[in-house]
Amino acid sequence: MAATKLDLTGLKCPLPALMTRKALRTLSVGECVEVHCTDPMAVIDIPVMVQQMGDRIDSSERRDEIIVFVIEKMNAAIANDD
């Protein structure tokens, strides 16, 4: 299954974490989102948010100045309530 791609490059804290959370809420369990961001705080903020939501980071890597996370939706209890 292909991951939904979310380009958050150029955005500063707290936007990458907030927009990742919003994207995760739209996914079904087992689906993934690939997040691209450049904010150095994302390496702290996004993993903490993912853990709090009960989801899982499949991988994370740095490609030059871009940080890439692949996150799998694990928790069906947290749905889109916006």
N, C-alpha and C. Protein backbone atom coordinates (compact mmCIF):
# COMPACT_ATOMS: atom_id res chain seq x y z
N MET A 1 0.85 -1.19 0.00
CA MET A 1 0.00 0.00 0.00
C MET A 1 0.89 1.24 0.00
N ALA A 2 0.60 2.16 -0.88
CA ALA A 2 1.37 3.40 -0.97
C ALA A 2 0.97 4.35 0.15
N ALA A 3 1.95 5.04 0.66
CA ALA A 3 1.70 6.00 1.73
C ALA A 3 1.23 7.32 1.15
N THR A 4 0.33 7.98 1.87
CA THR A 4 -0.06 9.34 1.54
C THR A 4 1.14 10.23 1.83
N LYS A 5 1.47 11.13 0.93
CA LYS A 5 2.62 12.02 1.15
C LYS A 5 2.16 13.38 1.64
N LEU A 6 2.85 13.87 2.64
CA LEU A 6 2.53 15.15 3.25
C LEU A 6 3.78 16.02 3.24
N ASP A 7 3.79 17.07 2.41
CA ASP A 7 4.95 17.96 2.28
C ASP A 7 4.79 19.14 3.22
N LEU A 8 5.54 19.11 4.31
CA LEU A 8 5.49 20.18 5.31
C LEU A 8 6.80 20.95 5.36
N THR A 9 7.57 20.88 4.28
CA THR A 9 8.85 21.58 4.25
C THR A 9 8.62 23.09 4.33
N GLY A 10 9.46 23.75 5.10
CA GLY A 10 9.36 25.19 5.27
C GLY A 10 8.49 25.63 6.43
N LEU A 11 7.68 24.73 6.98
CA LEU A 11 6.82 25.08 8.11
C LEU A 11 7.58 24.95 9.42
N LYS A 12 7.26 25.81 10.37
CA LYS A 12 7.93 25.81 11.67
C LYS A 12 6.99 25.30 12.76
N CYS A 13 7.58 24.86 13.85
CA CYS A 13 6.89 24.36 15.03
C CYS A 13 5.80 25.34 15.46
N PRO A 14 4.62 24.88 15.75
CA PRO A 14 4.15 23.51 15.92
C PRO A 14 3.43 22.96 14.69
N LEU A 15 3.47 23.66 13.56
CA LEU A 15 2.67 23.26 12.40
C LEU A 15 2.96 21.85 11.88
N PRO A 16 4.22 21.40 11.76
CA PRO A 16 4.42 20.04 11.26
C PRO A 16 3.72 18.97 12.11
N ALA A 17 3.81 19.08 13.42
CA ALA A 17 3.16 18.09 14.29
C ALA A 17 1.64 18.21 14.21
N LEU A 18 1.12 19.41 14.19
CA LEU A 18 -0.33 19.59 14.13
C LEU A 18 -0.91 19.08 12.81
N MET A 19 -0.23 19.36 11.70
CA MET A 19 -0.74 18.92 10.41
C MET A 19 -0.58 17.41 10.23
N THR A 20 0.46 16.84 10.83
CA THR A 20 0.62 15.38 10.80
C THR A 20 -0.50 14.72 11.59
N ARG A 21 -0.82 15.28 12.75
CA ARG A 21 -1.91 14.73 13.56
C ARG A 21 -3.23 14.77 12.80
N LYS A 22 -3.48 15.89 12.13
CA LYS A 22 -4.72 16.02 11.35
C LYS A 22 -4.77 14.99 10.22
N ALA A 23 -3.65 14.78 9.56
CA ALA A 23 -3.60 13.79 8.48
C ALA A 23 -3.82 12.37 9.01
N LEU A 24 -3.23 12.05 10.16
CA LEU A 24 -3.40 10.72 10.75
C LEU A 24 -4.85 10.45 11.12
N ARG A 25 -5.56 11.47 11.53
CA ARG A 25 -6.97 11.29 11.91
C ARG A 25 -7.85 10.91 10.74
N THR A 26 -7.40 11.19 9.52
CA THR A 26 -8.21 10.86 8.33
C THR A 26 -7.93 9.46 7.81
N LEU A 27 -6.89 8.79 8.33
CA LEU A 27 -6.51 7.48 7.85
C LEU A 27 -7.25 6.36 8.56
N SER A 28 -7.33 5.23 7.89
CA SER A 28 -7.85 4.00 8.50
C SER A 28 -6.67 3.24 9.10
N VAL A 29 -6.95 2.36 10.04
CA VAL A 29 -5.91 1.56 10.67
C VAL A 29 -5.16 0.79 9.58
N GLY A 30 -3.85 0.82 9.66
CA GLY A 30 -3.00 0.13 8.69
C GLY A 30 -2.50 1.01 7.57
N GLU A 31 -3.13 2.16 7.35
CA GLU A 31 -2.67 3.08 6.33
C GLU A 31 -1.49 3.89 6.86
N CYS A 32 -0.68 4.41 5.92
CA CYS A 32 0.52 5.16 6.29
C CYS A 32 0.52 6.54 5.69
N VAL A 33 1.24 7.43 6.34
CA VAL A 33 1.50 8.77 5.82
C VAL A 33 3.01 8.98 5.83
N GLU A 34 3.53 9.53 4.74
CA GLU A 34 4.95 9.87 4.64
C GLU A 34 5.06 11.38 4.78
N VAL A 35 5.71 11.82 5.85
CA VAL A 35 5.80 13.23 6.19
C VAL A 35 7.20 13.75 5.86
N HIS A 36 7.26 14.83 5.08
CA HIS A 36 8.52 15.50 4.75
C HIS A 36 8.50 16.86 5.44
N CYS A 37 9.52 17.15 6.25
CA CYS A 37 9.57 18.43 6.94
C CYS A 37 11.02 18.88 7.08
N THR A 38 11.19 20.17 7.38
CA THR A 38 12.53 20.74 7.53
C THR A 38 12.76 21.35 8.91
N ASP A 39 11.74 21.44 9.72
CA ASP A 39 11.87 22.03 11.06
C ASP A 39 12.65 21.08 11.97
N PRO A 40 13.79 21.50 12.51
CA PRO A 40 14.59 20.61 13.37
C PRO A 40 13.83 20.09 14.58
N MET A 41 12.85 20.84 15.07
CA MET A 41 12.06 20.40 16.23
C MET A 41 11.15 19.22 15.90
N ALA A 42 10.93 18.97 14.62
CA ALA A 42 10.06 17.86 14.21
C ALA A 42 10.60 16.52 14.69
N VAL A 43 11.92 16.38 14.82
CA VAL A 43 12.48 15.11 15.28
C VAL A 43 12.09 14.80 16.73
N ILE A 44 11.65 15.81 17.45
CA ILE A 44 11.14 15.63 18.81
C ILE A 44 9.62 15.62 18.81
N ASP A 45 9.02 16.64 18.19
CA ASP A 45 7.57 16.84 18.25
C ASP A 45 6.77 15.72 17.60
N ILE A 46 7.16 15.29 16.42
CA ILE A 46 6.36 14.29 15.71
C ILE A 46 6.40 12.93 16.41
N PRO A 47 7.57 12.40 16.81
CA PRO A 47 7.54 11.13 17.55
C PRO A 47 6.73 11.17 18.84
N VAL A 48 6.79 12.28 19.57
CA VAL A 48 6.00 12.40 20.80
C VAL A 48 4.51 12.38 20.48
N MET A 49 4.10 13.14 19.46
CA MET A 49 2.69 13.17 19.08
C MET A 49 2.22 11.79 18.61
N VAL A 50 3.04 11.10 17.82
CA VAL A 50 2.68 9.77 17.32
C VAL A 50 2.49 8.81 18.49
N GLN A 51 3.40 8.85 19.44
CA GLN A 51 3.28 7.99 20.62
C GLN A 51 2.00 8.30 21.41
N GLN A 52 1.70 9.57 21.59
CA GLN A 52 0.50 9.97 22.34
C GLN A 52 -0.77 9.50 21.64
N MET A 53 -0.76 9.47 20.32
CA MET A 53 -1.94 9.05 19.56
C MET A 53 -2.07 7.53 19.48
N GLY A 54 -1.01 6.80 19.85
CA GLY A 54 -1.05 5.35 19.80
C GLY A 54 -0.72 4.79 18.43
N ASP A 55 -0.09 5.59 17.58
CA ASP A 55 0.29 5.14 16.25
C ASP A 55 1.78 4.76 16.28
N ARG A 56 2.37 4.47 15.10
CA ARG A 56 3.73 3.94 15.08
C ARG A 56 4.54 4.56 13.95
N ILE A 57 5.77 4.94 14.25
CA ILE A 57 6.70 5.41 13.22
C ILE A 57 7.38 4.18 12.64
N ASP A 58 7.12 3.92 11.35
CA ASP A 58 7.76 2.79 10.67
C ASP A 58 9.23 3.11 10.38
N SER A 59 9.49 4.35 9.96
CA SER A 59 10.87 4.74 9.67
C SER A 59 11.01 6.24 9.76
N SER A 60 12.23 6.66 9.99
CA SER A 60 12.56 8.08 9.94
C SER A 60 13.98 8.19 9.41
N GLU A 61 14.20 9.19 8.59
CA GLU A 61 15.53 9.41 8.04
C GLU A 61 15.71 10.87 7.68
N ARG A 62 16.95 11.25 7.55
CA ARG A 62 17.28 12.62 7.14
C ARG A 62 17.87 12.56 5.75
N ARG A 63 17.28 13.33 4.84
CA ARG A 63 17.77 13.45 3.47
C ARG A 63 18.22 14.89 3.28
N ASP A 64 19.50 15.13 3.50
CA ASP A 64 20.04 16.49 3.52
C ASP A 64 19.31 17.29 4.59
N GLU A 65 18.60 18.36 4.22
CA GLU A 65 17.90 19.17 5.22
C GLU A 65 16.47 18.70 5.47
N ILE A 66 16.03 17.68 4.74
CA ILE A 66 14.65 17.20 4.88
C ILE A 66 14.61 15.98 5.79
N ILE A 67 13.67 16.00 6.73
CA ILE A 67 13.43 14.89 7.64
C ILE A 67 12.19 14.16 7.12
N VAL A 68 12.30 12.84 6.98
CA VAL A 68 11.20 12.05 6.44
C VAL A 68 10.76 11.03 7.48
N PHE A 69 9.47 11.04 7.80
CA PHE A 69 8.86 10.05 8.69
C PHE A 69 7.84 9.25 7.90
N VAL A 70 7.81 7.94 8.10
CA VAL A 70 6.72 7.11 7.60
C VAL A 70 5.99 6.62 8.84
N ILE A 71 4.72 7.01 8.94
CA ILE A 71 3.93 6.74 10.15
C ILE A 71 2.74 5.87 9.79
N GLU A 72 2.54 4.81 10.56
CA GLU A 72 1.40 3.91 10.34
C GLU A 72 0.31 4.18 11.37
N LYS A 73 -0.91 4.30 10.88
CA LYS A 73 -2.08 4.48 11.75
C LYS A 73 -2.36 3.15 12.46
N MET A 74 -2.31 3.17 13.78
CA MET A 74 -2.51 1.96 14.57
C MET A 74 -3.76 2.04 15.45
N ASN A 75 -4.20 3.23 15.80
CA ASN A 75 -5.24 3.42 16.80
C ASN A 75 -6.54 3.87 16.16
N ALA A 76 -7.51 3.01 16.10
CA ALA A 76 -8.81 3.35 15.51
C ALA A 76 -9.64 4.23 16.44
N ALA A 77 -9.30 4.27 17.74
CA ALA A 77 -10.09 5.03 18.70
C ALA A 77 -10.00 6.53 18.48
N ILE A 78 -8.88 6.99 17.89
CA ILE A 78 -8.73 8.42 17.65
C ILE A 78 -9.12 8.68 16.19
N ALA A 79 -10.29 9.23 16.02
CA ALA A 79 -10.82 9.48 14.68
C ALA A 79 -10.83 10.97 14.41
N ASN A 80 -11.19 11.32 13.21
CA ASN A 80 -11.26 12.73 12.82
C ASN A 80 -12.47 13.37 13.50
N ASP A 81 -12.20 14.21 14.49
CA ASP A 81 -13.28 14.87 15.21
C ASP A 81 -13.29 16.36 14.96
N ASP A 82 -12.62 16.79 13.88
CA ASP A 82 -12.60 18.23 13.54
C ASP A 82 -13.89 18.64 12.87
